[in-house]
Amino acid sequence: MAKNSEVSKAFHEVYNKVPKTVKATGKTGKAKQAMMTAIALSKARQAGASVPEAPKTRKRSSTNRSF
C-alpha cells in the first residue's frame, strides 16, 4: 500500500505544481497531460514505487509514409 501512496503523491505533486519543462514547451491538451503523466510516473519510480515501464512503440517503416 505504501507504494501506491508514492504514486498518488507524485501525481499530486506534478498536477498541483506544473513543472517548468511543461510550461516551457507550451503544449496544451492531451500532449500536456501525457507529458505530466510521464513526469509523475518517473517521480514515482524514483521514489521506489513498482510502476510498470512504458510500452514500447513500434517504428513506422519508411514504406508506410504518405506523401
C-alpha atoms as a PDB file:
ATOM      1  CA  MET A   1       0.000   0.000   0.000  1.00  0.00           C
ATOM      2  CA  ALA A   2       2.917   2.337   0.639  1.00  0.00           C
ATOM      3  CA  LYS A   3       3.969   2.042  -2.996  1.00  0.00           C
ATOM      4  CA  ASN A   4       0.521   3.118  -4.181  1.00  0.00           C
ATOM      5  CA  SER A   5       0.672   6.196  -1.963  1.00  0.00           C
ATOM      6  CA  GLU A   6       4.026   7.120  -3.528  1.00  0.00           C
ATOM      7  CA  VAL A   7       2.421   7.061  -6.958  1.00  0.00           C
ATOM      8  CA  SER A   8      -0.514   9.219  -5.883  1.00  0.00           C
ATOM      9  CA  LYS A   9       1.855  11.561  -4.047  1.00  0.00           C
ATOM     10  CA  ALA A  10       3.908  12.015  -7.231  1.00  0.00           C
ATOM     11  CA  PHE A  11       0.770  12.705  -9.275  1.00  0.00           C
ATOM     12  CA  HIS A  12      -0.484  15.276  -6.781  1.00  0.00           C
ATOM     13  CA  GLU A  13       2.908  16.979  -6.758  1.00  0.00           C
ATOM     14  CA  VAL A  14       3.081  17.235 -10.547  1.00  0.00           C
ATOM     15  CA  TYR A  15      -0.530  18.287 -11.105  1.00  0.00           C
ATOM     16  CA  ASN A  16      -0.588  20.854  -8.268  1.00  0.00           C
ATOM     17  CA  LYS A  17       2.676  22.471  -9.300  1.00  0.00           C
ATOM     18  CA  VAL A  18       3.253  22.202 -13.047  1.00  0.00           C
ATOM     19  CA  PRO A  19       6.984  21.625 -13.797  1.00  0.00           C
ATOM     20  CA  LYS A  20       8.953  24.260 -15.713  1.00  0.00           C
ATOM     21  CA  THR A  21       9.624  21.830 -18.547  1.00  0.00           C
ATOM     22  CA  VAL A  22       5.903  21.502 -19.236  1.00  0.00           C
ATOM     23  CA  LYS A  23       5.390  25.260 -19.176  1.00  0.00           C
ATOM     24  CA  ALA A  24       8.402  25.860 -21.434  1.00  0.00           C
ATOM     25  CA  THR A  25       7.142  23.563 -24.183  1.00  0.00           C
ATOM     26  CA  GLY A  26       3.852  25.420 -24.453  1.00  0.00           C
ATOM     27  CA  LYS A  27       1.950  22.206 -25.114  1.00  0.00           C
ATOM     28  CA  THR A  28      -1.743  22.059 -24.340  1.00  0.00           C
ATOM     29  CA  GLY A  29      -4.476  19.456 -24.103  1.00  0.00           C
ATOM     30  CA  LYS A  30      -3.607  15.782 -24.452  1.00  0.00           C
ATOM     31  CA  ALA A  31       0.069  16.455 -25.152  1.00  0.00           C
ATOM     32  CA  LYS A  32       0.404  18.359 -21.873  1.00  0.00           C
ATOM     33  CA  GLN A  33      -1.471  15.647 -19.955  1.00  0.00           C
ATOM     34  CA  ALA A  34       0.755  12.931 -21.426  1.00  0.00           C
ATOM     35  CA  MET A  35       3.898  14.840 -20.518  1.00  0.00           C
ATOM     36  CA  MET A  36       2.718  15.452 -16.948  1.00  0.00           C
ATOM     37  CA  THR A  37       1.736  11.793 -16.548  1.00  0.00           C
ATOM     38  CA  ALA A  38       5.177  10.682 -17.747  1.00  0.00           C
ATOM     39  CA  ILE A  39       6.867  13.044 -15.272  1.00  0.00           C
ATOM     40  CA  ALA A  40       4.668  11.814 -12.410  1.00  0.00           C
ATOM     41  CA  LEU A  41       5.375   8.153 -13.200  1.00  0.00           C
ATOM     42  CA  SER A  42       9.089   8.896 -13.406  1.00  0.00           C
ATOM     43  CA  LYS A  43       8.997  10.552  -9.968  1.00  0.00           C
ATOM     44  CA  ALA A  44       7.085   7.584  -8.566  1.00  0.00           C
ATOM     45  CA  ARG A  45       9.706   5.179  -9.947  1.00  0.00           C
ATOM     46  CA  GLN A  46      12.468   7.259  -8.379  1.00  0.00           C
ATOM     47  CA  ALA A  47      10.612   7.081  -5.056  1.00  0.00           C
ATOM     48  CA  GLY A  48      10.676   3.285  -5.275  1.00  0.00           C
ATOM     49  CA  ALA A  49       7.147   2.514  -6.425  1.00  0.00           C
ATOM     50  CA  SER A  50       6.704  -0.513  -8.653  1.00  0.00           C
ATOM     51  CA  VAL A  51       5.262   1.176 -11.724  1.00  0.00           C
ATOM     52  CA  PRO A  52       5.394  -0.790 -14.987  1.00  0.00           C
ATOM     53  CA  GLU A  53       7.598   0.560 -17.739  1.00  0.00           C
ATOM     54  CA  ALA A  54       6.047   2.386 -20.654  1.00  0.00           C
ATOM     55  CA  PRO A  55       5.054   0.110 -23.530  1.00  0.00           C
ATOM     56  CA  LYS A  56       7.476   0.008 -26.420  1.00  0.00           C
ATOM     57  CA  THR A  57       6.148   1.655 -29.548  1.00  0.00           C
ATOM     58  CA  ARG A  58       6.715   0.266 -32.994  1.00  0.00           C
ATOM     59  CA  LYS A  59       8.549   2.321 -35.555  1.00  0.00           C
ATOM     60  CA  ARG A  60       6.749   3.082 -38.760  1.00  0.00           C
ATOM     61  CA  SER A  61       8.502   1.676 -41.760  1.00  0.00           C
ATOM     62  CA  SER A  62       9.520   4.143 -44.433  1.00  0.00           C
ATOM     63  CA  THR A  63       7.237   2.432 -46.955  1.00  0.00           C
ATOM     64  CA  ASN A  64       4.105   3.269 -44.923  1.00  0.00           C
ATOM     65  CA  ARG A  65       4.566   7.010 -45.128  1.00  0.00           C
ATOM     66  CA  SER A  66       2.090   9.023 -47.108  1.00  0.00           C
ATOM     67  CA  PHE A  67       3.269  11.980 -49.107  1.00  0.00           C
END
